[in-house]
C-alpha atoms as a PDB file:
ATOM      1  CA  MET A   1       0.000   0.000   0.000  1.00  0.00           C
ATOM      2  CA  ARG A   2       2.824   2.365   0.923  1.00  0.00           C
ATOM      3  CA  SER A   3       4.581   1.762  -2.403  1.00  0.00           C
ATOM      4  CA  LYS A   4       1.341   2.557  -4.294  1.00  0.00           C
ATOM      5  CA  ILE A   5       1.058   5.878  -2.472  1.00  0.00           C
ATOM      6  CA  THR A   6       4.735   6.619  -3.161  1.00  0.00           C
ATOM      7  CA  ARG A   7       4.236   5.866  -6.873  1.00  0.00           C
ATOM      8  CA  LEU A   8       1.172   8.133  -7.012  1.00  0.00           C
ATOM      9  CA  VAL A   9       3.090  10.986  -5.321  1.00  0.00           C
ATOM     10  CA  VAL A  10       6.009  10.565  -7.774  1.00  0.00           C
ATOM     11  CA  LEU A  11       3.571  10.454 -10.685  1.00  0.00           C
ATOM     12  CA  PHE A  12       1.862  13.603  -9.393  1.00  0.00           C
ATOM     13  CA  LEU A  13       5.173  15.438  -9.042  1.00  0.00           C
ATOM     14  CA  ALA A  14       6.243  14.367 -12.547  1.00  0.00           C
ATOM     15  CA  THR A  15       2.914  15.604 -13.903  1.00  0.00           C
ATOM     16  CA  ALA A  16       3.328  18.932 -12.095  1.00  0.00           C
ATOM     17  CA  ALA A  17       6.855  19.313 -13.547  1.00  0.00           C
ATOM     18  CA  PHE A  18       5.551  18.708 -17.064  1.00  0.00           C
ATOM     19  CA  ALA A  19       2.712  21.181 -16.496  1.00  0.00           C
ATOM     20  CA  ALA A  20       5.192  23.844 -15.420  1.00  0.00           C
ATOM     21  CA  ALA A  21       7.233  23.250 -18.596  1.00  0.00           C
ATOM     22  CA  GLY A  22       4.207  23.545 -20.899  1.00  0.00           C
ATOM     23  CA  ALA A  23       0.852  21.973 -21.605  1.00  0.00           C
ATOM     24  CA  ARG A  24       1.027  18.231 -22.213  1.00  0.00           C
ATOM     25  CA  GLU A  25      -1.572  15.512 -22.138  1.00  0.00           C
ATOM     26  CA  ILE A  26      -0.796  12.549 -19.900  1.00  0.00           C
ATOM     27  CA  ARG A  27      -3.085   9.533 -19.702  1.00  0.00           C
ATOM     28  CA  ILE A  28      -3.073   7.660 -16.421  1.00  0.00           C
ATOM     29  CA  GLN A  29      -4.855   4.381 -15.870  1.00  0.00           C
ATOM     30  CA  LEU A  30      -5.378   3.514 -12.215  1.00  0.00           C
ATOM     31  CA  GLN A  31      -6.340   0.047 -11.039  1.00  0.00           C
ATOM     32  CA  LEU A  32      -9.440  -0.009  -8.860  1.00  0.00           C
ATOM     33  CA  GLU A  33     -10.398  -2.858  -6.597  1.00  0.00           C
ATOM     34  CA  PRO A  34     -13.733  -4.325  -7.758  1.00  0.00           C
ATOM     35  CA  GLU A  35     -16.622  -4.090  -5.340  1.00  0.00           C
ATOM     36  CA  LEU A  36     -17.866  -7.508  -6.450  1.00  0.00           C
ATOM     37  CA  SER A  37     -15.310 -10.298  -6.649  1.00  0.00           C
ATOM     38  CA  LEU A  38     -16.041 -12.539  -9.622  1.00  0.00           C
ATOM     39  CA  GLU A  39     -14.386 -15.728 -10.759  1.00  0.00           C
ATOM     40  CA  GLY A  40     -15.739 -15.424 -14.299  1.00  0.00           C
ATOM     41  CA  THR A  41     -17.731 -18.656 -14.098  1.00  0.00           C
ATOM     42  CA  GLU A  42     -20.876 -17.111 -12.611  1.00  0.00           C
ATOM     43  CA  SER A  43     -24.163 -17.240 -14.461  1.00  0.00           C
ATOM     44  CA  VAL A  44     -25.925 -13.887 -14.653  1.00  0.00           C
ATOM     45  CA  PHE A  45     -29.578 -13.121 -15.290  1.00  0.00           C
ATOM     46  CA  VAL A  46     -30.285  -9.571 -16.474  1.00  0.00           C
ATOM     47  CA  GLY A  47     -33.638  -8.304 -15.356  1.00  0.00           C
ATOM     48  CA  PRO A  48     -35.928  -6.858 -14.419  1.00  0.00           C
ATOM     49  CA  VAL A  49     -35.247  -3.435 -15.897  1.00  0.00           C
ATOM     50  CA  MET A  50     -38.022  -1.225 -14.563  1.00  0.00           C
ATOM     51  CA  ILE A  51     -39.216   2.263 -15.382  1.00  0.00           C
ATOM     52  CA  GLU A  52     -39.421   4.805 -12.572  1.00  0.00           C
ATOM     53  CA  PRO A  53     -42.261   7.153 -13.568  1.00  0.00           C
ATOM     54  CA  ARG A  54     -42.175  10.703 -12.305  1.00  0.00           C
ATOM     55  CA  GLU A  55     -44.928  11.781  -9.956  1.00  0.00           C
ATOM     56  CA  GLY A  56     -48.139  12.519 -11.800  1.00  0.00           C
ATOM     57  CA  GLU A  57     -46.844  11.063 -15.092  1.00  0.00           C
ATOM     58  CA  SER A  58     -47.581   7.758 -16.734  1.00  0.00           C
ATOM     59  CA  ILE A  59     -45.146   5.439 -18.475  1.00  0.00           C
ATOM     60  CA  GLN A  60     -44.911   6.184 -22.192  1.00  0.00           C
ATOM     61  CA  SER A  61     -43.768   4.025 -25.113  1.00  0.00           C
ATOM     62  CA  VAL A  62     -40.545   6.070 -25.292  1.00  0.00           C
ATOM     63  CA  ASP A  63     -39.778   4.975 -21.734  1.00  0.00           C
ATOM     64  CA  LEU A  64     -40.360   1.316 -22.578  1.00  0.00           C
ATOM     65  CA  THR A  65     -38.149   1.561 -25.650  1.00  0.00           C
ATOM     66  CA  ALA A  66     -35.428   3.227 -23.611  1.00  0.00           C
ATOM     67  CA  ALA A  67     -35.669   0.484 -20.959  1.00  0.00           C
ATOM     68  CA  ARG A  68     -35.310  -2.213 -23.620  1.00  0.00           C
ATOM     69  CA  GLU A  69     -32.333  -0.396 -25.185  1.00  0.00           C
ATOM     70  CA  PHE A  70     -30.707  -0.072 -21.762  1.00  0.00           C
ATOM     71  CA  GLU A  71     -31.137  -3.802 -21.169  1.00  0.00           C
ATOM     72  CA  ILE A  72     -29.502  -4.584 -24.535  1.00  0.00           C
ATOM     73  CA  TYR A  73     -26.640  -2.213 -23.711  1.00  0.00           C
ATOM     74  CA  LEU A  74     -26.197  -3.752 -20.253  1.00  0.00           C
ATOM     75  CA  ARG A  75     -26.055  -7.284 -21.711  1.00  0.00           C
ATOM     76  CA  LYS A  76     -23.484  -6.126 -24.275  1.00  0.00           C
ATOM     77  CA  ILE A  77     -21.261  -4.573 -21.601  1.00  0.00           C
ATOM     78  CA  LEU A  78     -21.489  -7.625 -19.333  1.00  0.00           C
ATOM     79  CA  ARG A  79     -20.699  -9.958 -22.211  1.00  0.00           C
ATOM     80  CA  ARG A  80     -17.760  -7.923 -23.492  1.00  0.00           C
ATOM     81  CA  GLU A  81     -16.177  -6.480 -20.353  1.00  0.00           C
ATOM     82  CA  ALA A  82     -16.846  -9.106 -17.688  1.00  0.00           C
ATOM     83  CA  GLU A  83     -16.967 -12.267 -19.821  1.00  0.00           C
ATOM     84  CA  LEU A  84     -19.755 -13.691 -17.680  1.00  0.00           C
ATOM     85  CA  ARG A  85     -22.182 -16.423 -18.723  1.00  0.00           C
ATOM     86  CA  LEU A  86     -25.396 -14.542 -19.492  1.00  0.00           C
ATOM     87  CA  LEU A  87     -28.632 -16.454 -19.216  1.00  0.00           C
ATOM     88  CA  PRO A  88     -31.431 -15.945 -21.747  1.00  0.00           C
ATOM     89  CA  GLN A  89     -34.283 -13.609 -20.904  1.00  0.00           C
ATOM     90  CA  ASP A  90     -37.366 -15.214 -19.311  1.00  0.00           C
ATOM     91  CA  ASP A  91     -40.524 -13.190 -19.975  1.00  0.00           C
ATOM     92  CA  ASP A  92     -42.540 -15.230 -17.449  1.00  0.00           C
ATOM     93  CA  ILE A  93     -40.741 -13.598 -14.523  1.00  0.00           C
ATOM     94  CA  ARG A  94     -42.759 -10.618 -13.321  1.00  0.00           C
ATOM     95  CA  PRO A  95     -41.694  -8.561 -10.287  1.00  0.00           C
ATOM     96  CA  PRO A  96     -44.328  -8.198  -7.549  1.00  0.00           C
ATOM     97  CA  SER A  97     -43.439  -4.508  -7.166  1.00  0.00           C
ATOM     98  CA  ALA A  98     -42.471  -1.729  -9.580  1.00  0.00           C
ATOM     99  CA  ASN A  99     -40.194  -0.171  -6.959  1.00  0.00           C
ATOM    100  CA  LEU A 100     -36.660  -1.614  -7.101  1.00  0.00           C
ATOM    101  CA  VAL A 101     -35.731  -0.429  -3.608  1.00  0.00           C
ATOM    102  CA  LYS A 102     -38.700  -2.340  -2.127  1.00  0.00           C
ATOM    103  CA  LEU A 103     -37.907  -5.307  -4.342  1.00  0.00           C
ATOM    104  CA  THR A 104     -34.350  -5.570  -2.998  1.00  0.00           C
ATOM    105  CA  LYS A 105     -35.873  -6.260   0.429  1.00  0.00           C
ATOM    106  CA  ASP A 106     -37.833  -9.268  -0.921  1.00  0.00           C
ATOM    107  CA  PRO A 107     -35.383 -12.210  -1.022  1.00  0.00           C
ATOM    108  CA  SER A 108     -38.075 -14.662  -2.135  1.00  0.00           C
ATOM    109  CA  PHE A 109     -38.375 -12.937  -5.544  1.00  0.00           C
ATOM    110  CA  TRP A 110     -34.645 -13.268  -6.210  1.00  0.00           C
ATOM    111  CA  LYS A 111     -34.670 -16.896  -5.033  1.00  0.00           C
ATOM    112  CA  THR A 112     -37.536 -17.555  -7.476  1.00  0.00           C
ATOM    113  CA  ILE A 113     -35.361 -16.236 -10.315  1.00  0.00           C
ATOM    114  CA  ASN A 114     -32.559 -18.521  -9.113  1.00  0.00           C
ATOM    115  CA  ASP A 115     -34.926 -21.519  -9.075  1.00  0.00           C
ATOM    116  CA  LYS A 116     -36.264 -20.832 -12.588  1.00  0.00           C
ATOM    117  CA  THR A 117     -32.998 -19.866 -14.306  1.00  0.00           C
ATOM    118  CA  GLY A 118     -30.156 -21.142 -12.114  1.00  0.00           C
ATOM    119  CA  ALA A 119     -28.640 -17.656 -11.942  1.00  0.00           C
ATOM    120  CA  ASP A 120     -25.832 -17.072  -9.473  1.00  0.00           C
ATOM    121  CA  LEU A 121     -26.244 -13.303  -9.841  1.00  0.00           C
ATOM    122  CA  VAL A 122     -29.198 -11.189 -10.904  1.00  0.00           C
ATOM    123  CA  VAL A 123     -28.586  -7.700 -12.305  1.00  0.00           C
ATOM    124  CA  ALA A 124     -31.637  -5.481 -11.977  1.00  0.00           C
ATOM    125  CA  ALA A 125     -32.134  -1.826 -12.805  1.00  0.00           C
ATOM    126  CA  ALA A 126     -34.606   0.992 -12.400  1.00  0.00           C
ATOM    127  CA  ILE A 127     -34.290   3.811 -14.883  1.00  0.00           C
ATOM    128  CA  ASP A 128     -35.804   7.237 -15.105  1.00  0.00           C
ATOM    129  CA  VAL A 129     -35.834   8.455 -18.689  1.00  0.00           C
ATOM    130  CA  LYS A 130     -36.089  12.101 -19.552  1.00  0.00           C
ATOM    131  CA  VAL A 131     -36.530  12.989 -23.219  1.00  0.00           C
ATOM    132  CA  LEU A 132     -34.433  16.005 -24.141  1.00  0.00           C
ATOM    133  CA  ASP A 133     -36.067  17.950 -26.919  1.00  0.00           C
ATOM    134  CA  ARG A 134     -35.580  21.626 -26.386  1.00  0.00           C
ATOM    135  CA  SER A 135     -34.168  24.622 -28.146  1.00  0.00           C
ATOM    136  CA  GLY A 136     -33.263  28.148 -27.236  1.00  0.00           C
ATOM    137  CA  TYR A 137     -30.925  31.026 -27.867  1.00  0.00           C
ATOM    138  CA  THR A 138     -27.586  31.550 -26.168  1.00  0.00           C
ATOM    139  CA  THR A 139     -25.019  34.330 -26.409  1.00  0.00           C
ATOM    140  CA  GLU A 140     -21.526  33.597 -27.688  1.00  0.00           C
ATOM    141  CA  GLU A 141     -18.464  35.646 -28.537  1.00  0.00           C
ATOM    142  CA  TYR A 142     -17.582  36.144 -32.188  1.00  0.00           C
ATOM    143  CA  VAL A 143     -14.343  37.608 -33.545  1.00  0.00           C
ATOM    144  CA  SER A 144     -14.918  39.326 -36.861  1.00  0.00           C
ATOM    145  CA  PRO A 145     -12.434  38.353 -39.591  1.00  0.00           C
ATOM    146  CA  GLN A 146     -12.857  41.816 -41.194  1.00  0.00           C
ATOM    147  CA  ASP A 147     -11.861  44.085 -38.330  1.00  0.00           C
ATOM    148  CA  GLY A 148     -10.625  41.629 -35.636  1.00  0.00           C
ATOM    149  CA  GLN A 149     -13.077  42.988 -33.053  1.00  0.00           C
ATOM    150  CA  THR A 150     -15.007  40.788 -30.660  1.00  0.00           C
ATOM    151  CA  TYR A 151     -18.791  40.890 -30.911  1.00  0.00           C
ATOM    152  CA  PHE A 152     -21.576  39.015 -29.160  1.00  0.00           C
ATOM    153  CA  ARG A 153     -24.194  37.188 -31.159  1.00  0.00           C
ATOM    154  CA  GLN A 154     -27.250  35.086 -30.473  1.00  0.00           C
ATOM    155  CA  VAL A 155     -27.053  31.436 -31.573  1.00  0.00           C
ATOM    156  CA  LEU A 156     -29.897  28.911 -31.699  1.00  0.00           C
ATOM    157  CA  VAL A 157     -29.019  25.768 -29.703  1.00  0.00           C
ATOM    158  CA  GLU A 158     -31.087  22.591 -30.103  1.00  0.00           C
ATOM    159  CA  GLU A 159     -30.768  19.647 -27.740  1.00  0.00           C
ATOM    160  CA  THR A 160     -32.256  16.235 -28.452  1.00  0.00           C
ATOM    161  CA  GLY A 161     -31.689  12.835 -26.912  1.00  0.00           C
ATOM    162  CA  PHE A 162     -32.259  10.977 -23.660  1.00  0.00           C
ATOM    163  CA  ASN A 163     -31.108  11.647 -20.124  1.00  0.00           C
ATOM    164  CA  TYR A 164     -30.953   8.510 -17.953  1.00  0.00           C
ATOM    165  CA  ASP A 165     -30.955   8.233 -14.185  1.00  0.00           C
ATOM    166  CA  VAL A 166     -30.062   4.615 -13.396  1.00  0.00           C
ATOM    167  CA  LEU A 167     -30.210   2.605 -10.179  1.00  0.00           C
ATOM    168  CA  LEU A 168     -28.381  -0.679 -10.731  1.00  0.00           C
ATOM    169  CA  VAL A 169     -28.268  -3.534  -8.210  1.00  0.00           C
ATOM    170  CA  VAL A 170     -26.612  -6.936  -8.272  1.00  0.00           C
ATOM    171  CA  MET A 171     -28.399  -9.580  -6.229  1.00  0.00           C
ATOM    172  CA  ASN A 172     -27.167 -12.958  -5.065  1.00  0.00           C
ATOM    173  CA  GLY A 173     -29.600 -15.416  -6.641  1.00  0.00           C
ATOM    174  CA  ALA A 174     -29.238 -18.090  -3.956  1.00  0.00           C
ATOM    175  CA  THR A 175     -29.651 -15.869  -0.898  1.00  0.00           C
ATOM    176  CA  GLY A 176     -31.559 -12.871  -2.276  1.00  0.00           C
ATOM    177  CA  GLU A 177     -29.044 -10.427  -0.753  1.00  0.00           C
ATOM    178  CA  VAL A 178     -27.629  -7.326  -2.405  1.00  0.00           C
END
């Protein structure tokens, strides 16, 4: 541990010396200890991915599409980055609650998934999708090529896309614990 701290201090001082000499880009990759120790032989069931509706709003088809796309993305990441054995989706499994926080306190649901699929781990998510579709004017500086003077001008800015707020949990299939 002490040698890691010493290396980080030396790396920081070297970076500061380079910064004093001029601007340079330095890429540093730090190793982080994983919060979940995996052997790589675990079977993983992805689901349920639930929609968290905002108060007073109902779930729309855009939300359902975004949830499905998030599930596909999550499976892709788990397959590529973690090299885990992903189990196929089972559409017969329905959560008894739409609230993921309440569902994490129900070990029988997670044990049911383990019984049906044989999953060692269950990755579940609750997402809040916000559709970004807005436009407006903003002020920016503009240097004129004719006279070299700085002017301010109004520019139309359009923003489209999705904003996700994701709560992701990994449950032990056998015990139903987080």
